[in-house]
Amino acid sequence: MDIGVEFHGADSAATAMRLMKALEPFDPWFYEEIVQALNVD
């Protein structure tokens, strides 16, 4: 089964990185809208 993860841009970049690291064992197919589009950092 493929897993997609939608963050809805609701997290900071640092939190998103921690969440993606925690989800690595599940081998997600994609992450969507990890941070707000205006967050260029």
PDB file of N, CA and C in Angstrom:
ATOM      1  N   MET A   1       0.846  -1.157   0.000  1.00  0.00           N
ATOM      2  CA  MET A   1       0.000   0.000   0.000  1.00  0.00           C
ATOM      3  C   MET A   1       0.902   1.233   0.000  1.00  0.00           C
ATOM      4  N   ASP A   2       0.573   2.216  -0.807  1.00  0.00           N
ATOM      5  CA  ASP A   2       1.309   3.483  -0.818  1.00  0.00           C
ATOM      6  C   ASP A   2       0.692   4.433   0.194  1.00  0.00           C
ATOM      7  N   ILE A   3       1.553   5.213   0.833  1.00  0.00           N
ATOM      8  CA  ILE A   3       1.102   6.165   1.845  1.00  0.00           C
ATOM      9  C   ILE A   3       1.511   7.560   1.403  1.00  0.00           C
ATOM     10  N   GLY A   4       0.565   8.486   1.397  1.00  0.00           N
ATOM     11  CA  GLY A   4       0.839   9.897   1.156  1.00  0.00           C
ATOM     12  C   GLY A   4       0.565  10.660   2.435  1.00  0.00           C
ATOM     13  N   VAL A   5       1.380  11.646   2.712  1.00  0.00           N
ATOM     14  CA  VAL A   5       1.238  12.416   3.953  1.00  0.00           C
ATOM     15  C   VAL A   5       0.981  13.869   3.604  1.00  0.00           C
ATOM     16  N   GLU A   6      -0.136  14.406   4.070  1.00  0.00           N
ATOM     17  CA  GLU A   6      -0.528  15.791   3.838  1.00  0.00           C
ATOM     18  C   GLU A   6      -0.342  16.564   5.132  1.00  0.00           C
ATOM     19  N   PHE A   7       0.566  17.536   5.120  1.00  0.00           N
ATOM     20  CA  PHE A   7       0.843  18.329   6.315  1.00  0.00           C
ATOM     21  C   PHE A   7      -0.049  19.566   6.417  1.00  0.00           C
ATOM     22  N   HIS A   8      -0.671  19.976   5.332  1.00  0.00           N
ATOM     23  CA  HIS A   8      -1.526  21.159   5.277  1.00  0.00           C
ATOM     24  C   HIS A   8      -0.765  22.436   5.636  1.00  0.00           C
ATOM     25  N   GLY A   9       0.546  22.402   5.570  1.00  0.00           N
ATOM     26  CA  GLY A   9       1.346  23.586   5.857  1.00  0.00           C
ATOM     27  C   GLY A   9       1.187  24.100   7.272  1.00  0.00           C
ATOM     28  N   ALA A  10       0.760  23.240   8.169  1.00  0.00           N
ATOM     29  CA  ALA A  10       0.433  23.680   9.518  1.00  0.00           C
ATOM     30  C   ALA A  10       1.606  23.631  10.486  1.00  0.00           C
ATOM     31  N   ASP A  11       2.740  23.085  10.058  1.00  0.00           N
ATOM     32  CA  ASP A  11       3.875  22.926  10.959  1.00  0.00           C
ATOM     33  C   ASP A  11       5.037  23.813  10.549  1.00  0.00           C
ATOM     34  N   SER A  12       5.921  24.058  11.485  1.00  0.00           N
ATOM     35  CA  SER A  12       7.153  24.770  11.161  1.00  0.00           C
ATOM     36  C   SER A  12       8.062  23.825  10.386  1.00  0.00           C
ATOM     37  N   ALA A  13       9.057  24.362   9.749  1.00  0.00           N
ATOM     38  CA  ALA A  13       9.994  23.528   8.985  1.00  0.00           C
ATOM     39  C   ALA A  13      10.703  22.530   9.903  1.00  0.00           C
ATOM     40  N   ALA A  14      11.083  22.957  11.090  1.00  0.00           N
ATOM     41  CA  ALA A  14      11.779  22.066  12.030  1.00  0.00           C
ATOM     42  C   ALA A  14      10.885  20.906  12.461  1.00  0.00           C
ATOM     43  N   THR A  15       9.630  21.190  12.748  1.00  0.00           N
ATOM     44  CA  THR A  15       8.695  20.134  13.139  1.00  0.00           C
ATOM     45  C   THR A  15       8.431  19.186  11.974  1.00  0.00           C
ATOM     46  N   ALA A  16       8.265  19.734  10.790  1.00  0.00           N
ATOM     47  CA  ALA A  16       8.043  18.909   9.604  1.00  0.00           C
ATOM     48  C   ALA A  16       9.216  17.962   9.373  1.00  0.00           C
ATOM     49  N   MET A  17      10.429  18.435   9.568  1.00  0.00           N
ATOM     50  CA  MET A  17      11.608  17.583   9.397  1.00  0.00           C
ATOM     51  C   MET A  17      11.600  16.438  10.415  1.00  0.00           C
ATOM     52  N   ARG A  18      11.232  16.731  11.664  1.00  0.00           N
ATOM     53  CA  ARG A  18      11.157  15.682  12.683  1.00  0.00           C
ATOM     54  C   ARG A  18      10.082  14.655  12.339  1.00  0.00           C
ATOM     55  N   LEU A  19       8.935  15.130  11.848  1.00  0.00           N
ATOM     56  CA  LEU A  19       7.858  14.217  11.473  1.00  0.00           C
ATOM     57  C   LEU A  19       8.263  13.341  10.290  1.00  0.00           C
ATOM     58  N   MET A  20       8.913  13.928   9.302  1.00  0.00           N
ATOM     59  CA  MET A  20       9.340  13.141   8.148  1.00  0.00           C
ATOM     60  C   MET A  20      10.362  12.085   8.560  1.00  0.00           C
ATOM     61  N   LYS A  21      11.266  12.433   9.456  1.00  0.00           N
ATOM     62  CA  LYS A  21      12.249  11.474   9.950  1.00  0.00           C
ATOM     63  C   LYS A  21      11.545  10.320  10.688  1.00  0.00           C
ATOM     64  N   ALA A  22      10.532  10.653  11.487  1.00  0.00           N
ATOM     65  CA  ALA A  22       9.800   9.629  12.226  1.00  0.00           C
ATOM     66  C   ALA A  22       9.001   8.714  11.292  1.00  0.00           C
ATOM     67  N   LEU A  23       8.581   9.239  10.143  1.00  0.00           N
ATOM     68  CA  LEU A  23       7.783   8.459   9.200  1.00  0.00           C
ATOM     69  C   LEU A  23       8.629   7.656   8.212  1.00  0.00           C
ATOM     70  N   GLU A  24       9.943   7.838   8.220  1.00  0.00           N
ATOM     71  CA  GLU A  24      10.822   7.123   7.285  1.00  0.00           C
ATOM     72  C   GLU A  24      10.622   5.609   7.272  1.00  0.00           C
ATOM     73  N   PRO A  25      10.440   4.941   8.410  1.00  0.00           N
ATOM     74  CA  PRO A  25      10.270   3.481   8.380  1.00  0.00           C
ATOM     75  C   PRO A  25       9.061   3.018   7.555  1.00  0.00           C
ATOM     76  N   PHE A  26       8.093   3.908   7.348  1.00  0.00           N
ATOM     77  CA  PHE A  26       6.893   3.555   6.591  1.00  0.00           C
ATOM     78  C   PHE A  26       7.046   3.813   5.094  1.00  0.00           C
ATOM     79  N   ASP A  27       8.190   4.387   4.691  1.00  0.00           N
ATOM     80  CA  ASP A  27       8.511   4.642   3.294  1.00  0.00           C
ATOM     81  C   ASP A  27       7.373   5.348   2.552  1.00  0.00           C
ATOM     82  N   PRO A  28       6.986   6.564   3.018  1.00  0.00           N
ATOM     83  CA  PRO A  28       5.889   7.279   2.363  1.00  0.00           C
ATOM     84  C   PRO A  28       6.187   7.542   0.888  1.00  0.00           C
ATOM     85  N   TRP A  29       5.138   7.492   0.097  1.00  0.00           N
ATOM     86  CA  TRP A  29       5.248   7.737  -1.332  1.00  0.00           C
ATOM     87  C   TRP A  29       5.486   9.223  -1.598  1.00  0.00           C
ATOM     88  N   PHE A  30       4.812  10.097  -0.827  1.00  0.00           N
ATOM     89  CA  PHE A  30       5.004  11.536  -0.991  1.00  0.00           C
ATOM     90  C   PHE A  30       4.597  12.290   0.274  1.00  0.00           C
ATOM     91  N   TYR A  31       5.101  13.510   0.372  1.00  0.00           N
ATOM     92  CA  TYR A  31       4.669  14.485   1.379  1.00  0.00           C
ATOM     93  C   TYR A  31       4.108  15.665   0.608  1.00  0.00           C
ATOM     94  N   GLU A  32       3.008  16.210   1.081  1.00  0.00           N
ATOM     95  CA  GLU A  32       2.396  17.326   0.385  1.00  0.00           C
ATOM     96  C   GLU A  32       2.249  18.509   1.322  1.00  0.00           C
ATOM     97  N   GLU A  33       2.497  19.705   0.792  1.00  0.00           N
ATOM     98  CA  GLU A  33       2.368  20.972   1.513  1.00  0.00           C
ATOM     99  C   GLU A  33       2.984  20.876   2.904  1.00  0.00           C
ATOM    100  N   ILE A  34       4.287  20.624   2.891  1.00  0.00           N
ATOM    101  CA  ILE A  34       4.996  20.410   4.145  1.00  0.00           C
ATOM    102  C   ILE A  34       5.029  21.674   4.984  1.00  0.00           C
ATOM    103  N   VAL A  35       5.300  22.808   4.372  1.00  0.00           N
ATOM    104  CA  VAL A  35       5.247  24.105   5.044  1.00  0.00           C
ATOM    105  C   VAL A  35       4.440  25.057   4.177  1.00  0.00           C
ATOM    106  N   GLN A  36       4.110  26.203   4.716  1.00  0.00           N
ATOM    107  CA  GLN A  36       3.382  27.209   3.950  1.00  0.00           C
ATOM    108  C   GLN A  36       4.162  27.605   2.702  1.00  0.00           C
ATOM    109  N   ALA A  37       3.480  27.850   1.626  1.00  0.00           N
ATOM    110  CA  ALA A  37       4.118  28.206   0.352  1.00  0.00           C
ATOM    111  C   ALA A  37       4.971  29.468   0.475  1.00  0.00           C
ATOM    112  N   LEU A  38       4.622  30.355   1.354  1.00  0.00           N
ATOM    113  CA  LEU A  38       5.381  31.601   1.519  1.00  0.00           C
ATOM    114  C   LEU A  38       6.599  31.438   2.415  1.00  0.00           C
ATOM    115  N   ASN A  39       6.783  30.269   3.008  1.00  0.00           N
ATOM    116  CA  ASN A  39       7.926  30.000   3.866  1.00  0.00           C
ATOM    117  C   ASN A  39       9.098  29.563   2.979  1.00  0.00           C
ATOM    118  N   VAL A  40       9.877  30.520   2.484  1.00  0.00           N
ATOM    119  CA  VAL A  40      10.956  30.209   1.540  1.00  0.00           C
ATOM    120  C   VAL A  40      12.191  29.648   2.218  1.00  0.00           C
ATOM    121  N   ASP A  41      12.285  29.755   3.534  1.00  0.00           N
ATOM    122  CA  ASP A  41      13.428  29.180   4.236  1.00  0.00           C
ATOM    123  C   ASP A  41      13.347  27.687   4.184  1.00  0.00           C
TER     124      ASP A  41
END
